[in-house]
Amino acid sequence: FEEAQAAIAPIYDVRDIFADPQYAALGTVASVDDDELGGIKMQNQLFRMSETPGRIRWPGRPHGHDTAAVLAEVGVDDGSLAELRARGVA
C-alpha cells in the first residue's frame, strides 16, 4: 500500500467505534434518553456548526407509532388494521 501510495486503515464495527478515543474526542457518539429503552448511545449530529449546531430531539419514535397512518396511506381500512393487530401482524 505504501508503494502504491494508497490509504489503509482498519475497518471498524460499532464496538470499535464506541471504544476509540478519537471518536469520543470528536463527539461522534451521543448519549440519549429513550422512554422505552432508557439511556442509549447513537450517532451524534454529523455537522455541528457554531451558529446552528443542531440537536438530537429524540432517538426515534416508539415501535409501531406510525403503523396506522402508513397503512391508511396504502389503503388499509380500520377494520383490516384491527384484524392485523388481533393476529399480531401490526
PDB file of N, CA and C in Angstrom:
ATOM      1  N   PHE A   1       0.823  -1.199   0.000  1.00  0.00           N
ATOM      2  CA  PHE A   1       0.000   0.000   0.000  1.00  0.00           C
ATOM      3  C   PHE A   1       0.865   1.261   0.000  1.00  0.00           C
ATOM      4  N   GLU A   2       1.943   1.225   0.775  1.00  0.00           N
ATOM      5  CA  GLU A   2       2.812   2.399   0.810  1.00  0.00           C
ATOM      6  C   GLU A   2       3.428   2.658  -0.557  1.00  0.00           C
ATOM      7  N   GLU A   3       3.850   1.592  -1.214  1.00  0.00           N
ATOM      8  CA  GLU A   3       4.461   1.740  -2.535  1.00  0.00           C
ATOM      9  C   GLU A   3       3.475   2.341  -3.535  1.00  0.00           C
ATOM     10  N   ALA A   4       2.223   1.959  -3.431  1.00  0.00           N
ATOM     11  CA  ALA A   4       1.188   2.478  -4.332  1.00  0.00           C
ATOM     12  C   ALA A   4       0.618   3.801  -3.830  1.00  0.00           C
ATOM     13  N   GLN A   5       1.088   4.261  -2.679  1.00  0.00           N
ATOM     14  CA  GLN A   5       0.590   5.481  -2.042  1.00  0.00           C
ATOM     15  C   GLN A   5      -0.931   5.425  -1.833  1.00  0.00           C
ATOM     16  N   ALA A   6      -1.378   4.247  -1.410  1.00  0.00           N
ATOM     17  CA  ALA A   6      -2.802   4.037  -1.148  1.00  0.00           C
ATOM     18  C   ALA A   6      -3.060   4.139   0.353  1.00  0.00           C
ATOM     19  N   ALA A   7      -4.212   4.615   0.689  1.00  0.00           N
ATOM     20  CA  ALA A   7      -4.591   4.714   2.100  1.00  0.00           C
ATOM     21  C   ALA A   7      -4.992   3.348   2.624  1.00  0.00           C
ATOM     22  N   ILE A   8      -4.690   3.114   3.868  1.00  0.00           N
ATOM     23  CA  ILE A   8      -5.079   1.868   4.518  1.00  0.00           C
ATOM     24  C   ILE A   8      -5.469   2.188   5.957  1.00  0.00           C
ATOM     25  N   ALA A   9      -6.516   1.550   6.407  1.00  0.00           N
ATOM     26  CA  ALA A   9      -6.980   1.767   7.774  1.00  0.00           C
ATOM     27  C   ALA A   9      -7.820   0.570   8.196  1.00  0.00           C
ATOM     28  N   PRO A  10      -7.950   0.366   9.502  1.00  0.00           N
ATOM     29  CA  PRO A  10      -8.798  -0.738   9.959  1.00  0.00           C
ATOM     30  C   PRO A  10     -10.267  -0.478   9.625  1.00  0.00           C
ATOM     31  N   ILE A  11     -11.013  -1.553   9.497  1.00  0.00           N
ATOM     32  CA  ILE A  11     -12.459  -1.448   9.302  1.00  0.00           C
ATOM     33  C   ILE A  11     -13.105  -1.655  10.663  1.00  0.00           C
ATOM     34  N   TYR A  12     -13.825  -0.636  11.134  1.00  0.00           N
ATOM     35  CA  TYR A  12     -14.419  -0.666  12.464  1.00  0.00           C
ATOM     36  C   TYR A  12     -15.834  -1.213  12.435  1.00  0.00           C
ATOM     37  N   ASP A  13     -16.180  -1.944  13.497  1.00  0.00           N
ATOM     38  CA  ASP A  13     -17.586  -2.234  13.752  1.00  0.00           C
ATOM     39  C   ASP A  13     -18.038  -1.298  14.881  1.00  0.00           C
ATOM     40  N   VAL A  14     -19.268  -1.417  15.316  1.00  0.00           N
ATOM     41  CA  VAL A  14     -19.815  -0.493  16.310  1.00  0.00           C
ATOM     42  C   VAL A  14     -19.022  -0.546  17.616  1.00  0.00           C
ATOM     43  N   ARG A  15     -18.618  -1.732  18.041  1.00  0.00           N
ATOM     44  CA  ARG A  15     -17.836  -1.840  19.289  1.00  0.00           C
ATOM     45  C   ARG A  15     -16.532  -1.059  19.184  1.00  0.00           C
ATOM     46  N   ASP A  16     -15.872  -1.151  18.023  1.00  0.00           N
ATOM     47  CA  ASP A  16     -14.620  -0.420  17.816  1.00  0.00           C
ATOM     48  C   ASP A  16     -14.843   1.089  17.890  1.00  0.00           C
ATOM     49  N   ILE A  17     -15.918   1.557  17.273  1.00  0.00           N
ATOM     50  CA  ILE A  17     -16.220   2.992  17.280  1.00  0.00           C
ATOM     51  C   ILE A  17     -16.448   3.478  18.706  1.00  0.00           C
ATOM     52  N   PHE A  18     -17.232   2.733  19.495  1.00  0.00           N
ATOM     53  CA  PHE A  18     -17.513   3.147  20.868  1.00  0.00           C
ATOM     54  C   PHE A  18     -16.259   3.127  21.737  1.00  0.00           C
ATOM     55  N   ALA A  19     -15.292   2.269  21.415  1.00  0.00           N
ATOM     56  CA  ALA A  19     -14.072   2.147  22.219  1.00  0.00           C
ATOM     57  C   ALA A  19     -12.956   3.089  21.770  1.00  0.00           C
ATOM     58  N   ASP A  20     -13.072   3.686  20.606  1.00  0.00           N
ATOM     59  CA  ASP A  20     -11.992   4.506  20.051  1.00  0.00           C
ATOM     60  C   ASP A  20     -11.964   5.891  20.703  1.00  0.00           C
ATOM     61  N   PRO A  21     -10.844   6.277  21.329  1.00  0.00           N
ATOM     62  CA  PRO A  21     -10.779   7.582  21.988  1.00  0.00           C
ATOM     63  C   PRO A  21     -10.922   8.762  21.024  1.00  0.00           C
ATOM     64  N   GLN A  22     -10.532   8.584  19.764  1.00  0.00           N
ATOM     65  CA  GLN A  22     -10.682   9.684  18.805  1.00  0.00           C
ATOM     66  C   GLN A  22     -12.159   9.952  18.503  1.00  0.00           C
ATOM     67  N   TYR A  23     -12.950   8.895  18.366  1.00  0.00           N
ATOM     68  CA  TYR A  23     -14.392   9.088  18.169  1.00  0.00           C
ATOM     69  C   TYR A  23     -14.993   9.816  19.369  1.00  0.00           C
ATOM     70  N   ALA A  24     -14.562   9.438  20.574  1.00  0.00           N
ATOM     71  CA  ALA A  24     -15.069  10.107  21.781  1.00  0.00           C
ATOM     72  C   ALA A  24     -14.668  11.576  21.784  1.00  0.00           C
ATOM     73  N   ALA A  25     -13.420  11.867  21.436  1.00  0.00           N
ATOM     74  CA  ALA A  25     -12.941  13.252  21.432  1.00  0.00           C
ATOM     75  C   ALA A  25     -13.696  14.110  20.421  1.00  0.00           C
ATOM     76  N   LEU A  26     -14.109  13.507  19.320  1.00  0.00           N
ATOM     77  CA  LEU A  26     -14.846  14.237  18.284  1.00  0.00           C
ATOM     78  C   LEU A  26     -16.333  14.381  18.608  1.00  0.00           C
ATOM     79  N   GLY A  27     -16.805  13.688  19.638  1.00  0.00           N
ATOM     80  CA  GLY A  27     -18.228  13.749  19.982  1.00  0.00           C
ATOM     81  C   GLY A  27     -19.099  13.039  18.968  1.00  0.00           C
ATOM     82  N   THR A  28     -18.555  12.016  18.327  1.00  0.00           N
ATOM     83  CA  THR A  28     -19.268  11.300  17.276  1.00  0.00           C
ATOM     84  C   THR A  28     -20.438  10.491  17.815  1.00  0.00           C
ATOM     85  N   VAL A  29     -20.320  10.010  19.044  1.00  0.00           N
ATOM     86  CA  VAL A  29     -21.362   9.199  19.654  1.00  0.00           C
ATOM     87  C   VAL A  29     -22.038  10.024  20.746  1.00  0.00           C
ATOM     88  N   ALA A  30     -23.359  10.057  20.717  1.00  0.00           N
ATOM     89  CA  ALA A  30     -24.132  10.811  21.703  1.00  0.00           C
ATOM     90  C   ALA A  30     -24.870   9.855  22.631  1.00  0.00           C
ATOM     91  N   SER A  31     -25.021  10.239  23.884  1.00  0.00           N
ATOM     92  CA  SER A  31     -25.852   9.506  24.839  1.00  0.00           C
ATOM     93  C   SER A  31     -27.203  10.209  24.894  1.00  0.00           C
ATOM     94  N   VAL A  32     -28.266   9.437  24.673  1.00  0.00           N
ATOM     95  CA  VAL A  32     -29.613   9.999  24.577  1.00  0.00           C
ATOM     96  C   VAL A  32     -30.550   9.159  25.442  1.00  0.00           C
ATOM     97  N   ASP A  33     -31.503   9.810  26.109  1.00  0.00           N
ATOM     98  CA  ASP A  33     -32.509   9.090  26.895  1.00  0.00           C
ATOM     99  C   ASP A  33     -33.680   8.708  26.003  1.00  0.00           C
ATOM    100  N   ASP A  34     -34.122   7.459  26.132  1.00  0.00           N
ATOM    101  CA  ASP A  34     -35.269   6.951  25.389  1.00  0.00           C
ATOM    102  C   ASP A  34     -36.315   6.489  26.397  1.00  0.00           C
ATOM    103  N   ASP A  35     -37.584   6.829  26.159  1.00  0.00           N
ATOM    104  CA  ASP A  35     -38.657   6.481  27.094  1.00  0.00           C
ATOM    105  C   ASP A  35     -38.788   4.977  27.312  1.00  0.00           C
ATOM    106  N   GLU A  36     -38.543   4.176  26.278  1.00  0.00           N
ATOM    107  CA  GLU A  36     -38.702   2.731  26.396  1.00  0.00           C
ATOM    108  C   GLU A  36     -37.407   2.023  26.780  1.00  0.00           C
ATOM    109  N   LEU A  37     -36.277   2.493  26.255  1.00  0.00           N
ATOM    110  CA  LEU A  37     -35.013   1.784  26.417  1.00  0.00           C
ATOM    111  C   LEU A  37     -34.102   2.364  27.488  1.00  0.00           C
ATOM    112  N   GLY A  38     -34.420   3.554  27.975  1.00  0.00           N
ATOM    113  CA  GLY A  38     -33.533   4.220  28.926  1.00  0.00           C
ATOM    114  C   GLY A  38     -32.414   4.925  28.176  1.00  0.00           C
ATOM    115  N   GLY A  39     -31.236   4.990  28.766  1.00  0.00           N
ATOM    116  CA  GLY A  39     -30.106   5.648  28.117  1.00  0.00           C
ATOM    117  C   GLY A  39     -29.536   4.795  26.994  1.00  0.00           C
ATOM    118  N   ILE A  40     -29.387   5.385  25.832  1.00  0.00           N
ATOM    119  CA  ILE A  40     -28.803   4.673  24.693  1.00  0.00           C
ATOM    120  C   ILE A  40     -27.715   5.538  24.067  1.00  0.00           C
ATOM    121  N   LYS A  41     -26.849   4.903  23.307  1.00  0.00           N
ATOM    122  CA  LYS A  41     -25.830   5.622  22.551  1.00  0.00           C
ATOM    123  C   LYS A  41     -26.195   5.539  21.078  1.00  0.00           C
ATOM    124  N   MET A  42     -26.005   6.657  20.378  1.00  0.00           N
ATOM    125  CA  MET A  42     -26.314   6.697  18.956  1.00  0.00           C
ATOM    126  C   MET A  42     -25.412   7.710  18.268  1.00  0.00           C
ATOM    127  N   GLN A  43     -25.430   7.699  16.949  1.00  0.00           N
ATOM    128  CA  GLN A  43     -24.628   8.650  16.187  1.00  0.00           C
ATOM    129  C   GLN A  43     -25.066  10.069  16.504  1.00  0.00           C
ATOM    130  N   ASN A  44     -24.109  10.938  16.747  1.00  0.00           N
ATOM    131  CA  ASN A  44     -24.399  12.341  17.010  1.00  0.00           C
ATOM    132  C   ASN A  44     -24.670  13.056  15.688  1.00  0.00           C
ATOM    133  N   GLN A  45     -25.007  14.334  15.770  1.00  0.00           N
ATOM    134  CA  GLN A  45     -25.176  15.157  14.576  1.00  0.00           C
ATOM    135  C   GLN A  45     -23.914  15.054  13.729  1.00  0.00           C
ATOM    136  N   LEU A  46     -24.074  14.904  12.426  1.00  0.00           N
ATOM    137  CA  LEU A  46     -22.902  14.806  11.556  1.00  0.00           C
ATOM    138  C   LEU A  46     -22.146  16.121  11.483  1.00  0.00           C
ATOM    139  N   PHE A  47     -22.867  17.209  11.368  1.00  0.00           N
ATOM    140  CA  PHE A  47     -22.234  18.513  11.254  1.00  0.00           C
ATOM    141  C   PHE A  47     -22.713  19.383  12.405  1.00  0.00           C
ATOM    142  N   ARG A  48     -21.790  19.843  13.225  1.00  0.00           N
ATOM    143  CA  ARG A  48     -22.132  20.694  14.364  1.00  0.00           C
ATOM    144  C   ARG A  48     -21.483  22.058  14.136  1.00  0.00           C
ATOM    145  N   MET A  49     -22.244  22.958  13.549  1.00  0.00           N
ATOM    146  CA  MET A  49     -21.733  24.293  13.229  1.00  0.00           C
ATOM    147  C   MET A  49     -21.900  25.221  14.424  1.00  0.00           C
ATOM    148  N   SER A  50     -21.045  26.214  14.530  1.00  0.00           N
ATOM    149  CA  SER A  50     -21.034  27.078  15.711  1.00  0.00           C
ATOM    150  C   SER A  50     -22.335  27.855  15.894  1.00  0.00           C
ATOM    151  N   GLU A  51     -22.919  28.350  14.836  1.00  0.00           N
ATOM    152  CA  GLU A  51     -24.138  29.156  14.977  1.00  0.00           C
ATOM    153  C   GLU A  51     -25.415  28.325  14.897  1.00  0.00           C
ATOM    154  N   THR A  52     -25.362  27.198  14.244  1.00  0.00           N
ATOM    155  CA  THR A  52     -26.527  26.308  14.135  1.00  0.00           C
ATOM    156  C   THR A  52     -26.067  24.871  14.396  1.00  0.00           C
ATOM    157  N   PRO A  53     -25.779  24.533  15.661  1.00  0.00           N
ATOM    158  CA  PRO A  53     -25.168  23.246  15.955  1.00  0.00           C
ATOM    159  C   PRO A  53     -26.091  22.041  15.783  1.00  0.00           C
ATOM    160  N   GLY A  54     -27.390  22.254  15.749  1.00  0.00           N
ATOM    161  CA  GLY A  54     -28.320  21.130  15.655  1.00  0.00           C
ATOM    162  C   GLY A  54     -28.409  20.404  16.987  1.00  0.00           C
ATOM    163  N   ARG A  55     -29.333  19.467  17.061  1.00  0.00           N
ATOM    164  CA  ARG A  55     -29.502  18.689  18.286  1.00  0.00           C
ATOM    165  C   ARG A  55     -30.275  17.424  17.960  1.00  0.00           C
ATOM    166  N   ILE A  56     -30.182  16.459  18.817  1.00  0.00           N
ATOM    167  CA  ILE A  56     -30.980  15.241  18.699  1.00  0.00           C
ATOM    168  C   ILE A  56     -32.233  15.472  19.531  1.00  0.00           C
ATOM    169  N   ARG A  57     -33.387  15.525  18.875  1.00  0.00           N
ATOM    170  CA  ARG A  57     -34.641  15.776  19.594  1.00  0.00           C
ATOM    171  C   ARG A  57     -35.162  14.519  20.270  1.00  0.00           C
ATOM    172  N   TRP A  58     -35.024  13.391  19.629  1.00  0.00           N
ATOM    173  CA  TRP A  58     -35.416  12.104  20.196  1.00  0.00           C
ATOM    174  C   TRP A  58     -34.693  11.022  19.407  1.00  0.00           C
ATOM    175  N   PRO A  59     -34.511   9.843  19.998  1.00  0.00           N
ATOM    176  CA  PRO A  59     -33.791   8.792  19.293  1.00  0.00           C
ATOM    177  C   PRO A  59     -34.620   8.102  18.209  1.00  0.00           C
ATOM    178  N   GLY A  60     -35.897   8.324  18.206  1.00  0.00           N
ATOM    179  CA  GLY A  60     -36.790   7.711  17.224  1.00  0.00           C
ATOM    180  C   GLY A  60     -38.155   7.515  17.848  1.00  0.00           C
ATOM    181  N   ARG A  61     -39.137   7.365  17.011  1.00  0.00           N
ATOM    182  CA  ARG A  61     -40.490   7.153  17.536  1.00  0.00           C
ATOM    183  C   ARG A  61     -40.587   5.746  18.131  1.00  0.00           C
ATOM    184  N   PRO A  62     -41.509   5.548  19.065  1.00  0.00           N
ATOM    185  CA  PRO A  62     -41.704   4.206  19.623  1.00  0.00           C
ATOM    186  C   PRO A  62     -42.115   3.211  18.529  1.00  0.00           C
ATOM    187  N   HIS A  63     -41.790   1.957  18.758  1.00  0.00           N
ATOM    188  CA  HIS A  63     -42.120   0.896  17.812  1.00  0.00           C
ATOM    189  C   HIS A  63     -43.618   0.913  17.512  1.00  0.00           C
ATOM    190  N   GLY A  64     -43.975   0.949  16.244  1.00  0.00           N
ATOM    191  CA  GLY A  64     -45.373   0.917  15.822  1.00  0.00           C
ATOM    192  C   GLY A  64     -46.089   2.255  15.837  1.00  0.00           C
ATOM    193  N   HIS A  65     -45.396   3.324  16.196  1.00  0.00           N
ATOM    194  CA  HIS A  65     -46.025   4.638  16.342  1.00  0.00           C
ATOM    195  C   HIS A  65     -46.760   5.083  15.075  1.00  0.00           C
ATOM    196  N   ASP A  66     -46.195   4.853  13.926  1.00  0.00           N
ATOM    197  CA  ASP A  66     -46.771   5.342  12.670  1.00  0.00           C
ATOM    198  C   ASP A  66     -47.476   4.257  11.853  1.00  0.00           C
ATOM    199  N   THR A  67     -47.628   3.073  12.412  1.00  0.00           N
ATOM    200  CA  THR A  67     -48.188   1.951  11.655  1.00  0.00           C
ATOM    201  C   THR A  67     -49.560   2.267  11.074  1.00  0.00           C
ATOM    202  N   ALA A  68     -50.480   2.762  11.885  1.00  0.00           N
ATOM    203  CA  ALA A  68     -51.845   3.030  11.408  1.00  0.00           C
ATOM    204  C   ALA A  68     -51.838   4.061  10.285  1.00  0.00           C
ATOM    205  N   ALA A  69     -51.064   5.121  10.433  1.00  0.00           N
ATOM    206  CA  ALA A  69     -51.027   6.171   9.407  1.00  0.00           C
ATOM    207  C   ALA A  69     -50.434   5.653   8.100  1.00  0.00           C
ATOM    208  N   VAL A  70     -49.367   4.867   8.192  1.00  0.00           N
ATOM    209  CA  VAL A  70     -48.733   4.339   6.977  1.00  0.00           C
ATOM    210  C   VAL A  70     -49.670   3.364   6.274  1.00  0.00           C
ATOM    211  N   LEU A  71     -50.292   2.466   7.027  1.00  0.00           N
ATOM    212  CA  LEU A  71     -51.205   1.502   6.407  1.00  0.00           C
ATOM    213  C   LEU A  71     -52.430   2.193   5.821  1.00  0.00           C
ATOM    214  N   ALA A  72     -52.914   3.243   6.468  1.00  0.00           N
ATOM    215  CA  ALA A  72     -54.044   4.002   5.920  1.00  0.00           C
ATOM    216  C   ALA A  72     -53.665   4.632   4.584  1.00  0.00           C
ATOM    217  N   GLU A  73     -52.429   5.106   4.463  1.00  0.00           N
ATOM    218  CA  GLU A  73     -51.974   5.716   3.204  1.00  0.00           C
ATOM    219  C   GLU A  73     -51.971   4.723   2.046  1.00  0.00           C
ATOM    220  N   VAL A  74     -51.782   3.446   2.351  1.00  0.00           N
ATOM    221  CA  VAL A  74     -51.774   2.445   1.278  1.00  0.00           C
ATOM    222  C   VAL A  74     -53.108   1.718   1.166  1.00  0.00           C
ATOM    223  N   GLY A  75     -54.148   2.255   1.843  1.00  0.00           N
ATOM    224  CA  GLY A  75     -55.496   1.751   1.640  1.00  0.00           C
ATOM    225  C   GLY A  75     -56.007   0.737   2.642  1.00  0.00           C
ATOM    226  N   VAL A  76     -55.301   0.488   3.722  1.00  0.00           N
ATOM    227  CA  VAL A  76     -55.780  -0.451   4.732  1.00  0.00           C
ATOM    228  C   VAL A  76     -56.800   0.275   5.615  1.00  0.00           C
ATOM    229  N   ASP A  77     -58.034  -0.264   5.668  1.00  0.00           N
ATOM    230  CA  ASP A  77     -59.081   0.392   6.460  1.00  0.00           C
ATOM    231  C   ASP A  77     -58.982  -0.008   7.933  1.00  0.00           C
ATOM    232  N   ASP A  78     -59.764   0.665   8.772  1.00  0.00           N
ATOM    233  CA  ASP A  78     -59.699   0.435  10.220  1.00  0.00           C
ATOM    234  C   ASP A  78     -60.019  -1.008  10.593  1.00  0.00           C
ATOM    235  N   GLY A  79     -60.998  -1.608   9.921  1.00  0.00           N
ATOM    236  CA  GLY A  79     -61.360  -2.996  10.211  1.00  0.00           C
ATOM    237  C   GLY A  79     -60.226  -3.954   9.900  1.00  0.00           C
ATOM    238  N   SER A  80     -59.596  -3.756   8.753  1.00  0.00           N
ATOM    239  CA  SER A  80     -58.467  -4.612   8.380  1.00  0.00           C
ATOM    240  C   SER A  80     -57.291  -4.410   9.328  1.00  0.00           C
ATOM    241  N   LEU A  81     -57.069  -3.157   9.740  1.00  0.00           N
ATOM    242  CA  LEU A  81     -55.989  -2.877  10.689  1.00  0.00           C
ATOM    243  C   LEU A  81     -56.262  -3.574  12.019  1.00  0.00           C
ATOM    244  N   ALA A  82     -57.510  -3.535  12.476  1.00  0.00           N
ATOM    245  CA  ALA A  82     -57.871  -4.208  13.728  1.00  0.00           C
ATOM    246  C   ALA A  82     -57.616  -5.710  13.617  1.00  0.00           C
ATOM    247  N   GLU A  83     -57.941  -6.286  12.452  1.00  0.00           N
ATOM    248  CA  GLU A  83     -57.700  -7.715  12.235  1.00  0.00           C
ATOM    249  C   GLU A  83     -56.202  -8.018  12.257  1.00  0.00           C
ATOM    250  N   LEU A  84     -55.407  -7.177  11.603  1.00  0.00           N
ATOM    251  CA  LEU A  84     -53.954  -7.366  11.605  1.00  0.00           C
ATOM    252  C   LEU A  84     -53.392  -7.278  13.023  1.00  0.00           C
ATOM    253  N   ARG A  85     -53.898  -6.346  13.795  1.00  0.00           N
ATOM    254  CA  ARG A  85     -53.432  -6.203  15.182  1.00  0.00           C
ATOM    255  C   ARG A  85     -53.835  -7.416  16.017  1.00  0.00           C
ATOM    256  N   ALA A  86     -55.055  -7.921  15.809  1.00  0.00           N
ATOM    257  CA  ALA A  86     -55.526  -9.092  16.554  1.00  0.00           C
ATOM    258  C   ALA A  86     -54.664 -10.315  16.254  1.00  0.00           C
ATOM    259  N   ARG A  87     -54.155 -10.396  15.030  1.00  0.00           N
ATOM    260  CA  ARG A  87     -53.301 -11.521  14.629  1.00  0.00           C
ATOM    261  C   ARG A  87     -51.833 -11.284  14.985  1.00  0.00           C
ATOM    262  N   GLY A  88     -51.529 -10.109  15.558  1.00  0.00           N
ATOM    263  CA  GLY A  88     -50.152  -9.806  15.945  1.00  0.00           C
ATOM    264  C   GLY A  88     -49.261  -9.397  14.794  1.00  0.00           C
ATOM    265  N   VAL A  89     -49.876  -9.035  13.660  1.00  0.00           N
ATOM    266  CA  VAL A  89     -49.110  -8.650  12.477  1.00  0.00           C
ATOM    267  C   VAL A  89     -48.739  -7.175  12.525  1.00  0.00           C
ATOM    268  N   ALA A  90     -49.626  -6.352  13.030  1.00  0.00           N
ATOM    269  CA  ALA A  90     -49.369  -4.902  13.063  1.00  0.00           C
ATOM    270  C   ALA A  90     -49.586  -4.366  14.456  1.00  0.00           C
TER     271      ALA A  90
END
